[in-house]
Amino acid sequence: MKRVPAAVRYTILRLLAFVVPLLLLVFLTGLQPWVAAIIAAIIGLCVSYIFLRTPRETVAQELYARRHGDKPTPHDDEDSEDAALDASAAAPEASSAGDARRVEERQTEDHPER
């Protein structure tokens, strides 16, 4: 027998937490349906918050795993980051040597007697 997914189970429990108080309020107390619906929604919210913590967390974990499961871990790109940092650290040294040579060339072009 197949197991019912956690999201379906949680949804059914949430609906029951709303429908049961709604039916009780409408048929036993005789309240107007819209007033009974508001009160049933508040009761359902409280019941869900207090008693359905485990199913809610299970659904949240499954959604997170489905959303982020196929992404690589953040540690996979450490080598490329290290290479980029090494290249940026070496670049100022090379550019400063190149800049000094360019300045020297400009000075000789401006003042050929030197």
Protein backbone atom coordinates (compact mmCIF):
# COMPACT_ATOMS: atom_id res chain seq x y z
CA MET A 1 0.00 0.00 0.00
CA LYS A 2 1.30 3.44 -0.95
CA ARG A 3 1.97 5.96 1.76
CA VAL A 4 -0.01 9.22 1.63
CA PRO A 5 2.25 12.23 0.96
CA ALA A 6 2.77 14.53 3.92
CA ALA A 7 1.33 17.54 2.07
CA VAL A 8 -1.94 15.71 1.35
CA ARG A 9 -2.19 14.46 4.93
CA TYR A 10 -1.54 17.95 6.32
CA THR A 11 -4.10 19.51 3.97
CA ILE A 12 -6.77 17.00 4.99
CA LEU A 13 -6.08 17.61 8.68
CA ARG A 14 -6.28 21.39 8.15
CA LEU A 15 -9.58 21.04 6.32
CA LEU A 16 -10.97 18.86 9.10
CA ALA A 17 -9.84 21.44 11.66
CA PHE A 18 -12.01 23.97 9.82
CA VAL A 19 -14.99 21.91 8.65
CA VAL A 20 -15.78 20.12 11.93
CA PRO A 21 -16.11 23.34 13.99
CA LEU A 22 -18.02 24.97 11.13
CA LEU A 23 -20.61 22.19 11.01
CA LEU A 24 -20.92 22.15 14.79
CA LEU A 25 -21.39 25.91 14.94
CA VAL A 26 -23.94 26.03 12.12
CA PHE A 27 -26.08 23.08 13.17
CA LEU A 28 -25.80 23.12 16.96
CA THR A 29 -25.75 26.83 17.74
CA GLY A 30 -27.74 28.22 14.83
CA LEU A 31 -25.27 30.99 14.08
CA GLN A 32 -25.33 32.76 10.76
CA PRO A 33 -23.12 30.83 8.30
CA TRP A 34 -20.70 33.71 7.75
CA VAL A 35 -20.22 34.22 11.51
CA ALA A 36 -19.76 30.48 11.96
CA ALA A 37 -17.20 30.47 9.13
CA ILE A 38 -15.14 33.21 10.77
CA ILE A 39 -15.22 31.49 14.16
CA ALA A 40 -14.43 28.10 12.56
CA ALA A 41 -11.47 29.65 10.72
CA ILE A 42 -10.07 31.02 13.99
CA ILE A 43 -10.61 27.66 15.73
CA GLY A 44 -9.03 25.81 12.79
CA LEU A 45 -6.02 28.11 12.85
CA CYS A 46 -5.50 27.57 16.57
CA VAL A 47 -5.94 23.80 16.34
CA SER A 48 -3.56 23.64 13.40
CA TYR A 49 -0.94 25.76 15.13
CA ILE A 50 -1.06 23.83 18.38
CA PHE A 51 -1.63 20.22 17.31
CA LEU A 52 -0.29 19.94 13.75
CA ARG A 53 3.29 21.04 14.32
CA THR A 54 4.91 17.76 13.23
CA PRO A 55 3.01 17.42 9.93
CA ARG A 56 3.61 21.10 9.17
CA GLU A 57 7.37 20.73 9.71
CA THR A 58 7.44 17.56 7.61
CA VAL A 59 5.74 19.35 4.72
CA ALA A 60 8.14 22.29 5.09
CA GLN A 61 11.17 19.97 5.00
CA GLU A 62 9.86 18.16 1.92
CA LEU A 63 9.20 21.44 0.13
CA TYR A 64 12.68 22.70 1.01
CA ALA A 65 14.29 19.47 -0.16
CA ARG A 66 12.34 19.58 -3.43
CA ARG A 67 13.21 23.22 -4.01
CA HIS A 68 16.89 23.07 -3.07
CA GLY A 69 17.73 19.41 -3.63
CA ASP A 70 19.18 19.71 -7.12
CA LYS A 71 21.41 22.71 -6.40
CA PRO A 72 25.09 22.07 -5.69
CA THR A 73 26.34 22.66 -2.21
CA PRO A 74 27.97 26.05 -1.60
CA HIS A 75 31.35 24.40 -1.03
CA ASP A 76 31.64 23.10 -4.61
CA ASP A 77 33.03 26.38 -5.92
CA GLU A 78 35.79 26.90 -3.37
CA ASP A 79 38.48 25.99 -5.90
CA SER A 80 37.25 28.54 -8.44
CA GLU A 81 37.00 31.21 -5.73
CA ASP A 82 40.55 30.47 -4.59
CA ALA A 83 41.79 30.68 -8.17
CA ALA A 84 40.01 34.01 -8.68
CA LEU A 85 41.51 35.41 -5.47
CA ASP A 86 44.98 34.22 -6.45
CA ALA A 87 44.60 35.81 -9.88
CA SER A 88 43.41 39.11 -8.41
CA ALA A 89 46.31 39.12 -5.94
CA ALA A 90 48.80 38.57 -8.77
CA ALA A 91 47.19 41.13 -11.07
CA PRO A 92 48.15 44.31 -9.10
CA GLU A 93 51.82 43.27 -9.11
CA ALA A 94 51.80 42.75 -12.86
CA SER A 95 49.85 45.91 -13.55
CA SER A 96 52.14 48.04 -11.36
CA ALA A 97 55.20 46.76 -13.26
CA GLY A 98 53.46 47.46 -16.56
CA ASP A 99 52.40 50.92 -15.38
CA ALA A 100 55.97 51.79 -14.41
CA ARG A 101 57.22 50.76 -17.85
CA ARG A 102 54.51 52.83 -19.59
CA VAL A 103 55.38 55.90 -17.52
CA GLU A 104 59.02 55.44 -18.44
CA GLU A 105 58.14 55.17 -22.14
CA ARG A 106 56.03 58.34 -22.00
CA GLN A 107 58.82 60.27 -20.34
CA THR A 108 61.29 59.23 -23.02
CA GLU A 109 58.80 60.21 -25.75
CA ASP A 110 58.18 63.63 -24.17
CA HIS A 111 61.87 64.32 -23.46
CA PRO A 112 64.09 62.40 -25.85
CA GLU A 113 67.28 63.97 -24.44
CA ARG A 114 67.06 61.94 -21.23
